[in-house]
């Protein structure tokens, strides 16, 4: 999965807009748009990547997204409907 695909997946799972991510991360709308389209990718360990990650984290807390929703590939149903990591 490419960086832009993963970013778009996070936004979809969190049910939030690029504008919301821009506001909470401090990155401009145009930067978020370029990341979403795949035109640009932030450099590892860059301040922009840190801002983006922090923004996604804060949105996930704000929107109360569960770990199960963010990473469904790591969870499987078990007895009694409780999800367990495998």
PDB file of N, CA and C in Angstrom:
ATOM      1  N   UNK A   1       0.844  -1.170   0.000  1.00  0.00           N
ATOM      2  CA  UNK A   1       0.000   0.000   0.000  1.00  0.00           C
ATOM      3  C   UNK A   1       0.895   1.241   0.000  1.00  0.00           C
ATOM      4  N   UNK A   2       0.566   2.188  -0.855  1.00  0.00           N
ATOM      5  CA  UNK A   2       1.353   3.414  -0.934  1.00  0.00           C
ATOM      6  C   UNK A   2       1.010   4.349   0.227  1.00  0.00           C
ATOM      7  N   UNK A   3       1.852   5.356   0.401  1.00  0.00           N
ATOM      8  CA  UNK A   3       1.622   6.329   1.459  1.00  0.00           C
ATOM      9  C   UNK A   3       0.268   7.010   1.268  1.00  0.00           C
ATOM     10  N   UNK A   4      -0.028   7.430   0.041  1.00  0.00           N
ATOM     11  CA  UNK A   4      -1.297   8.135  -0.209  1.00  0.00           C
ATOM     12  C   UNK A   4      -2.493   7.223   0.026  1.00  0.00           C
ATOM     13  N   UNK A   5      -2.381   5.958  -0.349  1.00  0.00           N
ATOM     14  CA  UNK A   5      -3.478   5.016  -0.104  1.00  0.00           C
ATOM     15  C   UNK A   5      -3.716   4.836   1.394  1.00  0.00           C
ATOM     16  N   UNK A   6      -2.632   4.729   2.156  1.00  0.00           N
ATOM     17  CA  UNK A   6      -2.762   4.554   3.599  1.00  0.00           C
ATOM     18  C   UNK A   6      -3.368   5.796   4.246  1.00  0.00           C
ATOM     19  N   UNK A   7      -2.906   6.971   3.820  1.00  0.00           N
ATOM     20  CA  UNK A   7      -3.453   8.215   4.361  1.00  0.00           C
ATOM     21  C   UNK A   7      -4.944   8.323   4.064  1.00  0.00           C
ATOM     22  N   UNK A   8      -5.322   8.028   2.837  1.00  0.00           N
ATOM     23  CA  UNK A   8      -6.738   8.083   2.474  1.00  0.00           C
ATOM     24  C   UNK A   8      -7.556   7.058   3.246  1.00  0.00           C
ATOM     25  N   UNK A   9      -6.972   5.908   3.517  1.00  0.00           N
ATOM     26  CA  UNK A   9      -7.653   4.885   4.319  1.00  0.00           C
ATOM     27  C   UNK A   9      -7.894   5.384   5.742  1.00  0.00           C
ATOM     28  N   UNK A  10      -6.872   6.010   6.338  1.00  0.00           N
ATOM     29  CA  UNK A  10      -7.036   6.566   7.683  1.00  0.00           C
ATOM     30  C   UNK A  10      -8.163   7.594   7.708  1.00  0.00           C
ATOM     31  N   UNK A  11      -8.170   8.482   6.729  1.00  0.00           N
ATOM     32  CA  UNK A  11      -9.220   9.504   6.686  1.00  0.00           C
ATOM     33  C   UNK A  11     -10.598   8.866   6.544  1.00  0.00           C
ATOM     34  N   UNK A  12     -10.676   7.817   5.751  1.00  0.00           N
ATOM     35  CA  UNK A  12     -11.946   7.114   5.559  1.00  0.00           C
ATOM     36  C   UNK A  12     -12.398   6.442   6.854  1.00  0.00           C
ATOM     37  N   UNK A  13     -11.494   5.732   7.501  1.00  0.00           N
ATOM     38  CA  UNK A  13     -11.827   5.029   8.742  1.00  0.00           C
ATOM     39  C   UNK A  13     -12.240   6.021   9.831  1.00  0.00           C
ATOM     40  N   UNK A  14     -11.547   7.146   9.877  1.00  0.00           N
ATOM     41  CA  UNK A  14     -11.852   8.160  10.881  1.00  0.00           C
ATOM     42  C   UNK A  14     -13.057   9.010  10.504  1.00  0.00           C
ATOM     43  N   UNK A  15     -13.515   8.832   9.270  1.00  0.00           N
ATOM     44  CA  UNK A  15     -14.646   9.610   8.770  1.00  0.00           C
ATOM     45  C   UNK A  15     -14.399  11.109   8.946  1.00  0.00           C
ATOM     46  N   UNK A  16     -13.229  11.547   8.479  1.00  0.00           N
ATOM     47  CA  UNK A  16     -12.896  12.963   8.593  1.00  0.00           C
ATOM     48  C   UNK A  16     -12.404  13.480   7.252  1.00  0.00           C
ATOM     49  N   UNK A  17     -12.428  14.775   7.117  1.00  0.00           N
ATOM     50  CA  UNK A  17     -12.024  15.415   5.868  1.00  0.00           C
ATOM     51  C   UNK A  17     -10.561  15.829   5.925  1.00  0.00           C
ATOM     52  N   UNK A  18     -10.031  16.110   4.753  1.00  0.00           N
ATOM     53  CA  UNK A  18      -8.670  16.622   4.673  1.00  0.00           C
ATOM     54  C   UNK A  18      -8.582  17.971   5.384  1.00  0.00           C
ATOM     55  N   UNK A  19      -9.652  18.737   5.325  1.00  0.00           N
ATOM     56  CA  UNK A  19      -9.682  20.035   6.001  1.00  0.00           C
ATOM     57  C   UNK A  19      -9.536  19.864   7.513  1.00  0.00           C
ATOM     58  N   UNK A  20     -10.228  18.871   8.077  1.00  0.00           N
ATOM     59  CA  UNK A  20     -10.102  18.601   9.514  1.00  0.00           C
ATOM     60  C   UNK A  20      -8.669  18.208   9.862  1.00  0.00           C
ATOM     61  N   UNK A  21      -8.067  17.354   9.027  1.00  0.00           N
ATOM     62  CA  UNK A  21      -6.686  16.931   9.275  1.00  0.00           C
ATOM     63  C   UNK A  21      -5.745  18.121   9.164  1.00  0.00           C
ATOM     64  N   UNK A  22      -5.983  18.979   8.200  1.00  0.00           N
ATOM     65  CA  UNK A  22      -5.169  20.180   8.028  1.00  0.00           C
ATOM     66  C   UNK A  22      -5.248  21.065   9.266  1.00  0.00           C
ATOM     67  N   UNK A  23      -6.442  21.283   9.759  1.00  0.00           N
ATOM     68  CA  UNK A  23      -6.638  22.158  10.921  1.00  0.00           C
ATOM     69  C   UNK A  23      -5.974  21.606  12.175  1.00  0.00           C
ATOM     70  N   UNK A  24      -6.118  20.320  12.402  1.00  0.00           N
ATOM     71  CA  UNK A  24      -5.601  19.742  13.650  1.00  0.00           C
ATOM     72  C   UNK A  24      -4.088  19.503  13.595  1.00  0.00           C
ATOM     73  N   UNK A  25      -3.550  19.276  12.372  1.00  0.00           N
ATOM     74  CA  UNK A  25      -2.119  18.992  12.238  1.00  0.00           C
ATOM     75  C   UNK A  25      -1.275  20.245  12.045  1.00  0.00           C
ATOM     76  N   UNK A  26      -1.913  21.334  11.584  1.00  0.00           N
ATOM     77  CA  UNK A  26      -1.159  22.550  11.303  1.00  0.00           C
ATOM     78  C   UNK A  26      -0.548  22.563   9.918  1.00  0.00           C
ATOM     79  N   UNK A  27      -0.802  21.520   9.128  1.00  0.00           N
ATOM     80  CA  UNK A  27      -0.316  21.473   7.749  1.00  0.00           C
ATOM     81  C   UNK A  27      -1.348  22.154   6.848  1.00  0.00           C
ATOM     82  N   UNK A  28      -0.885  22.752   5.770  1.00  0.00           N
ATOM     83  CA  UNK A  28      -1.804  23.455   4.874  1.00  0.00           C
ATOM     84  C   UNK A  28      -2.680  22.465   4.105  1.00  0.00           C
ATOM     85  N   UNK A  29      -3.807  22.960   3.624  1.00  0.00           N
ATOM     86  CA  UNK A  29      -4.697  22.134   2.800  1.00  0.00           C
ATOM     87  C   UNK A  29      -3.969  21.607   1.568  1.00  0.00           C
ATOM     88  N   UNK A  30      -3.109  22.451   0.978  1.00  0.00           N
ATOM     89  CA  UNK A  30      -2.407  22.029  -0.235  1.00  0.00           C
ATOM     90  C   UNK A  30      -1.410  20.907   0.045  1.00  0.00           C
ATOM     91  N   UNK A  31      -0.755  20.933   1.196  1.00  0.00           N
ATOM     92  CA  UNK A  31       0.175  19.854   1.563  1.00  0.00           C
ATOM     93  C   UNK A  31      -0.591  18.544   1.740  1.00  0.00           C
ATOM     94  N   UNK A  32      -1.698  18.600   2.466  1.00  0.00           N
ATOM     95  CA  UNK A  32      -2.518  17.401   2.666  1.00  0.00           C
ATOM     96  C   UNK A  32      -3.007  16.877   1.316  1.00  0.00           C
ATOM     97  N   UNK A  33      -3.440  17.782   0.444  1.00  0.00           N
ATOM     98  CA  UNK A  33      -3.921  17.384  -0.881  1.00  0.00           C
ATOM     99  C   UNK A  33      -2.831  16.684  -1.685  1.00  0.00           C
ATOM    100  N   UNK A  34      -1.627  17.199  -1.622  1.00  0.00           N
ATOM    101  CA  UNK A  34      -0.509  16.570  -2.350  1.00  0.00           C
ATOM    102  C   UNK A  34      -0.165  15.195  -1.783  1.00  0.00           C
ATOM    103  N   UNK A  35      -0.244  15.051  -0.478  1.00  0.00           N
ATOM    104  CA  UNK A  35       0.000  13.741   0.138  1.00  0.00           C
ATOM    105  C   UNK A  35      -1.099  12.761  -0.275  1.00  0.00           C
ATOM    106  N   UNK A  36      -2.344  13.213  -0.264  1.00  0.00           N
ATOM    107  CA  UNK A  36      -3.473  12.329  -0.610  1.00  0.00           C
ATOM    108  C   UNK A  36      -3.428  11.888  -2.056  1.00  0.00           C
ATOM    109  N   UNK A  37      -2.970  12.752  -2.939  1.00  0.00           N
ATOM    110  CA  UNK A  37      -2.927  12.416  -4.369  1.00  0.00           C
ATOM    111  C   UNK A  37      -1.690  11.596  -4.736  1.00  0.00           C
ATOM    112  N   UNK A  38      -0.712  11.553  -3.842  1.00  0.00           N
ATOM    113  CA  UNK A  38       0.524  10.838  -4.128  1.00  0.00           C
ATOM    114  C   UNK A  38       1.556  11.707  -4.820  1.00  0.00           C
ATOM    115  N   UNK A  39       1.233  12.981  -5.011  1.00  0.00           N
ATOM    116  CA  UNK A  39       2.164  13.916  -5.646  1.00  0.00           C
ATOM    117  C   UNK A  39       3.414  14.111  -4.803  1.00  0.00           C
ATOM    118  N   UNK A  40       3.231  14.073  -3.483  1.00  0.00           N
ATOM    119  CA  UNK A  40       4.350  14.223  -2.557  1.00  0.00           C
ATOM    120  C   UNK A  40       4.230  13.196  -1.440  1.00  0.00           C
ATOM    121  N   UNK A  41       5.373  12.883  -0.853  1.00  0.00           N
ATOM    122  CA  UNK A  41       5.441  11.984   0.300  1.00  0.00           C
ATOM    123  C   UNK A  41       6.389  12.650   1.300  1.00  0.00           C
ATOM    124  N   UNK A  42       5.977  12.769   2.559  1.00  0.00           N
ATOM    125  CA  UNK A  42       6.881  13.400   3.527  1.00  0.00           C
ATOM    126  C   UNK A  42       8.116  12.535   3.770  1.00  0.00           C
ATOM    127  N   UNK A  43       9.218  13.198   4.006  1.00  0.00           N
ATOM    128  CA  UNK A  43      10.457  12.470   4.293  1.00  0.00           C
ATOM    129  C   UNK A  43      10.383  11.827   5.675  1.00  0.00           C
ATOM    130  N   UNK A  44      10.954  10.641   5.809  1.00  0.00           N
ATOM    131  CA  UNK A  44      10.991  10.003   7.132  1.00  0.00           C
ATOM    132  C   UNK A  44      11.654  10.943   8.138  1.00  0.00           C
ATOM    133  N   UNK A  45      11.136  10.951   9.329  1.00  0.00           N
ATOM    134  CA  UNK A  45      11.654  11.749  10.437  1.00  0.00           C
ATOM    135  C   UNK A  45      11.572  13.256  10.201  1.00  0.00           C
ATOM    136  N   UNK A  46      10.745  13.691   9.235  1.00  0.00           N
ATOM    137  CA  UNK A  46      10.581  15.126   8.992  1.00  0.00           C
ATOM    138  C   UNK A  46       9.533  15.705   9.940  1.00  0.00           C
ATOM    139  N   UNK A  47       9.573  16.999  10.109  1.00  0.00           N
ATOM    140  CA  UNK A  47       8.596  17.670  10.966  1.00  0.00           C
ATOM    141  C   UNK A  47       7.194  17.531  10.382  1.00  0.00           C
ATOM    142  N   UNK A  48       7.084  17.588   9.056  1.00  0.00           N
ATOM    143  CA  UNK A  48       5.766  17.443   8.417  1.00  0.00           C
ATOM    144  C   UNK A  48       5.169  16.066   8.678  1.00  0.00           C
ATOM    145  N   UNK A  49       5.988  15.028   8.629  1.00  0.00           N
ATOM    146  CA  UNK A  49       5.490  13.690   8.927  1.00  0.00           C
ATOM    147  C   UNK A  49       5.059  13.600  10.386  1.00  0.00           C
ATOM    148  N   UNK A  50       5.838  14.194  11.284  1.00  0.00           N
ATOM    149  CA  UNK A  50       5.462  14.210  12.700  1.00  0.00           C
ATOM    150  C   UNK A  50       4.135  14.930  12.900  1.00  0.00           C
ATOM    151  N   UNK A  51       3.946  16.070  12.226  1.00  0.00           N
ATOM    152  CA  UNK A  51       2.692  16.822  12.332  1.00  0.00           C
ATOM    153  C   UNK A  51       1.520  15.991  11.807  1.00  0.00           C
ATOM    154  N   UNK A  52       1.733  15.325  10.688  1.00  0.00           N
ATOM    155  CA  UNK A  52       0.688  14.502  10.094  1.00  0.00           C
ATOM    156  C   UNK A  52       0.295  13.362  11.035  1.00  0.00           C
ATOM    157  N   UNK A  53       1.278  12.679  11.571  1.00  0.00           N
ATOM    158  CA  UNK A  53       1.010  11.566  12.485  1.00  0.00           C
ATOM    159  C   UNK A  53       0.296  12.048  13.749  1.00  0.00           C
ATOM    160  N   UNK A  54       0.745  13.169  14.278  1.00  0.00           N
ATOM    161  CA  UNK A  54       0.108  13.729  15.466  1.00  0.00           C
ATOM    162  C   UNK A  54      -1.340  14.105  15.162  1.00  0.00           C
ATOM    163  N   UNK A  55      -1.573  14.672  13.981  1.00  0.00           N
ATOM    164  CA  UNK A  55      -2.929  15.036  13.583  1.00  0.00           C
ATOM    165  C   UNK A  55      -3.838  13.823  13.479  1.00  0.00           C
ATOM    166  N   UNK A  56      -3.349  12.754  12.860  1.00  0.00           N
ATOM    167  CA  UNK A  56      -4.137  11.525  12.732  1.00  0.00           C
ATOM    168  C   UNK A  56      -4.422  10.947  14.120  1.00  0.00           C
ATOM    169  N   UNK A  57      -3.417  10.963  14.982  1.00  0.00           N
ATOM    170  CA  UNK A  57      -3.596  10.465  16.345  1.00  0.00           C
ATOM    171  C   UNK A  57      -4.670  11.270  17.087  1.00  0.00           C
ATOM    172  N   UNK A  58      -4.571  12.594  17.019  1.00  0.00           N
ATOM    173  CA  UNK A  58      -5.550  13.442  17.713  1.00  0.00           C
ATOM    174  C   UNK A  58      -6.949  13.258  17.150  1.00  0.00           C
ATOM    175  N   UNK A  59      -7.055  13.117  15.835  1.00  0.00           N
ATOM    176  CA  UNK A  59      -8.369  12.879  15.228  1.00  0.00           C
ATOM    177  C   UNK A  59      -8.946  11.548  15.696  1.00  0.00           C
ATOM    178  N   UNK A  60      -8.088  10.534  15.800  1.00  0.00           N
ATOM    179  CA  UNK A  60      -8.576   9.224  16.233  1.00  0.00           C
ATOM    180  C   UNK A  60      -9.097   9.290  17.664  1.00  0.00           C
ATOM    181  N   UNK A  61      -8.423  10.052  18.509  1.00  0.00           N
ATOM    182  CA  UNK A  61      -8.906  10.225  19.880  1.00  0.00           C
ATOM    183  C   UNK A  61     -10.200  11.025  19.888  1.00  0.00           C
ATOM    184  N   UNK A  62     -10.215  12.089  19.110  1.00  0.00           N
ATOM    185  CA  UNK A  62     -11.389  12.958  19.055  1.00  0.00           C
ATOM    186  C   UNK A  62     -12.610  12.218  18.524  1.00  0.00           C
ATOM    187  N   UNK A  63     -12.414  11.406  17.532  1.00  0.00           N
ATOM    188  CA  UNK A  63     -13.529  10.702  16.907  1.00  0.00           C
ATOM    189  C   UNK A  63     -13.778   9.350  17.570  1.00  0.00           C
ATOM    190  N   UNK A  64     -12.996   9.038  18.599  1.00  0.00           N
ATOM    191  CA  UNK A  64     -13.141   7.797  19.357  1.00  0.00           C
ATOM    192  C   UNK A  64     -13.062   6.565  18.460  1.00  0.00           C
ATOM    193  N   UNK A  65     -12.156   6.610  17.487  1.00  0.00           N
ATOM    194  CA  UNK A  65     -11.949   5.441  16.636  1.00  0.00           C
ATOM    195  C   UNK A  65     -11.232   4.378  17.458  1.00  0.00           C
ATOM    196  N   UNK A  66     -11.743   3.187  17.415  1.00  0.00           N
ATOM    197  CA  UNK A  66     -11.117   2.117  18.184  1.00  0.00           C
ATOM    198  C   UNK A  66      -9.956   1.515  17.405  1.00  0.00           C
ATOM    199  N   UNK A  67      -9.063   0.887  18.120  1.00  0.00           N
ATOM    200  CA  UNK A  67      -7.925   0.230  17.484  1.00  0.00           C
ATOM    201  C   UNK A  67      -8.409  -0.844  16.511  1.00  0.00           C
ATOM    202  N   UNK A  68      -9.510  -1.473  16.854  1.00  0.00           N
ATOM    203  CA  UNK A  68     -10.065  -2.505  15.972  1.00  0.00           C
ATOM    204  C   UNK A  68     -10.474  -1.898  14.634  1.00  0.00           C
ATOM    205  N   UNK A  69     -11.031  -0.698  14.646  1.00  0.00           N
ATOM    206  CA  UNK A  69     -11.435  -0.043  13.412  1.00  0.00           C
ATOM    207  C   UNK A  69     -10.241   0.459  12.612  1.00  0.00           C
ATOM    208  N   UNK A  70      -9.212   0.951  13.309  1.00  0.00           N
ATOM    209  CA  UNK A  70      -8.041   1.481  12.613  1.00  0.00           C
ATOM    210  C   UNK A  70      -7.205   0.377  11.971  1.00  0.00           C
ATOM    211  N   UNK A  71      -7.124  -0.774  12.624  1.00  0.00           N
ATOM    212  CA  UNK A  71      -6.278  -1.851  12.128  1.00  0.00           C
ATOM    213  C   UNK A  71      -7.045  -3.175  12.106  1.00  0.00           C
ATOM    214  N   UNK A  72      -8.059  -3.293  11.247  1.00  0.00           N
ATOM    215  CA  UNK A  72      -8.890  -4.499  11.265  1.00  0.00           C
ATOM    216  C   UNK A  72      -8.130  -5.773  10.922  1.00  0.00           C
ATOM    217  N   UNK A  73      -7.027  -5.661  10.185  1.00  0.00           N
ATOM    218  CA  UNK A  73      -6.281  -6.860   9.796  1.00  0.00           C
ATOM    219  C   UNK A  73      -5.623  -7.551  10.978  1.00  0.00           C
ATOM    220  N   UNK A  74      -5.508  -6.869  12.132  1.00  0.00           N
ATOM    221  CA  UNK A  74      -4.877  -7.457  13.304  1.00  0.00           C
ATOM    222  C   UNK A  74      -5.863  -8.034  14.307  1.00  0.00           C
ATOM    223  N   UNK A  75      -7.143  -7.969  14.008  1.00  0.00           N
ATOM    224  CA  UNK A  75      -8.150  -8.414  14.958  1.00  0.00           C
ATOM    225  C   UNK A  75      -9.037  -9.474  14.345  1.00  0.00           C
ATOM    226  N   UNK A  76      -9.459 -10.393  15.159  1.00  0.00           N
ATOM    227  CA  UNK A  76     -10.332 -11.460  14.701  1.00  0.00           C
ATOM    228  C   UNK A  76     -11.402 -11.710  15.762  1.00  0.00           C
ATOM    229  N   UNK A  77     -12.630 -12.004  15.351  1.00  0.00           N
ATOM    230  CA  UNK A  77     -13.667 -12.262  16.355  1.00  0.00           C
ATOM    231  C   UNK A  77     -13.391 -13.547  17.123  1.00  0.00           C
ATOM    232  N   UNK A  78     -13.786 -13.576  18.373  1.00  0.00           N
ATOM    233  CA  UNK A  78     -13.631 -14.780  19.180  1.00  0.00           C
ATOM    234  C   UNK A  78     -14.928 -15.048  19.921  1.00  0.00           C
ATOM    235  N   UNK A  79     -14.903 -15.982  20.804  1.00  0.00           N
ATOM    236  CA  UNK A  79     -16.079 -16.383  21.561  1.00  0.00           C
ATOM    237  C   UNK A  79     -16.668 -15.182  22.304  1.00  0.00           C
ATOM    238  N   UNK A  80     -17.965 -15.032  22.229  1.00  0.00           N
ATOM    239  CA  UNK A  80     -18.651 -13.971  22.937  1.00  0.00           C
ATOM    240  C   UNK A  80     -18.555 -12.611  22.277  1.00  0.00           C
ATOM    241  N   UNK A  81     -18.053 -12.566  21.044  1.00  0.00           N
ATOM    242  CA  UNK A  81     -17.984 -11.303  20.329  1.00  0.00           C
ATOM    243  C   UNK A  81     -16.842 -10.403  20.754  1.00  0.00           C
ATOM    244  N   UNK A  82     -15.936 -10.906  21.583  1.00  0.00           N
ATOM    245  CA  UNK A  82     -14.787 -10.115  22.004  1.00  0.00           C
ATOM    246  C   UNK A  82     -13.696 -10.275  20.947  1.00  0.00           C
ATOM    247  N   UNK A  83     -13.040  -9.190  20.621  1.00  0.00           N
ATOM    248  CA  UNK A  83     -12.000  -9.251  19.602  1.00  0.00           C
ATOM    249  C   UNK A  83     -10.652  -9.456  20.263  1.00  0.00           C
ATOM    250  N   UNK A  84      -9.865 -10.303  19.645  1.00  0.00           N
ATOM    251  CA  UNK A  84      -8.565 -10.610  20.176  1.00  0.00           C
ATOM    252  C   UNK A  84      -7.517 -10.403  19.102  1.00  0.00           C
ATOM    253  N   UNK A  85      -6.344  -9.902  19.510  1.00  0.00           N
ATOM    254  CA  UNK A  85      -5.241  -9.727  18.583  1.00  0.00           C
ATOM    255  C   UNK A  85      -4.639 -11.096  18.285  1.00  0.00           C
ATOM    256  N   UNK A  86      -4.298 -11.333  17.039  1.00  0.00           N
ATOM    257  CA  UNK A  86      -3.637 -12.604  16.691  1.00  0.00           C
ATOM    258  C   UNK A  86      -2.279 -12.360  16.113  1.00  0.00           C
TER     259      UNK A  86
END
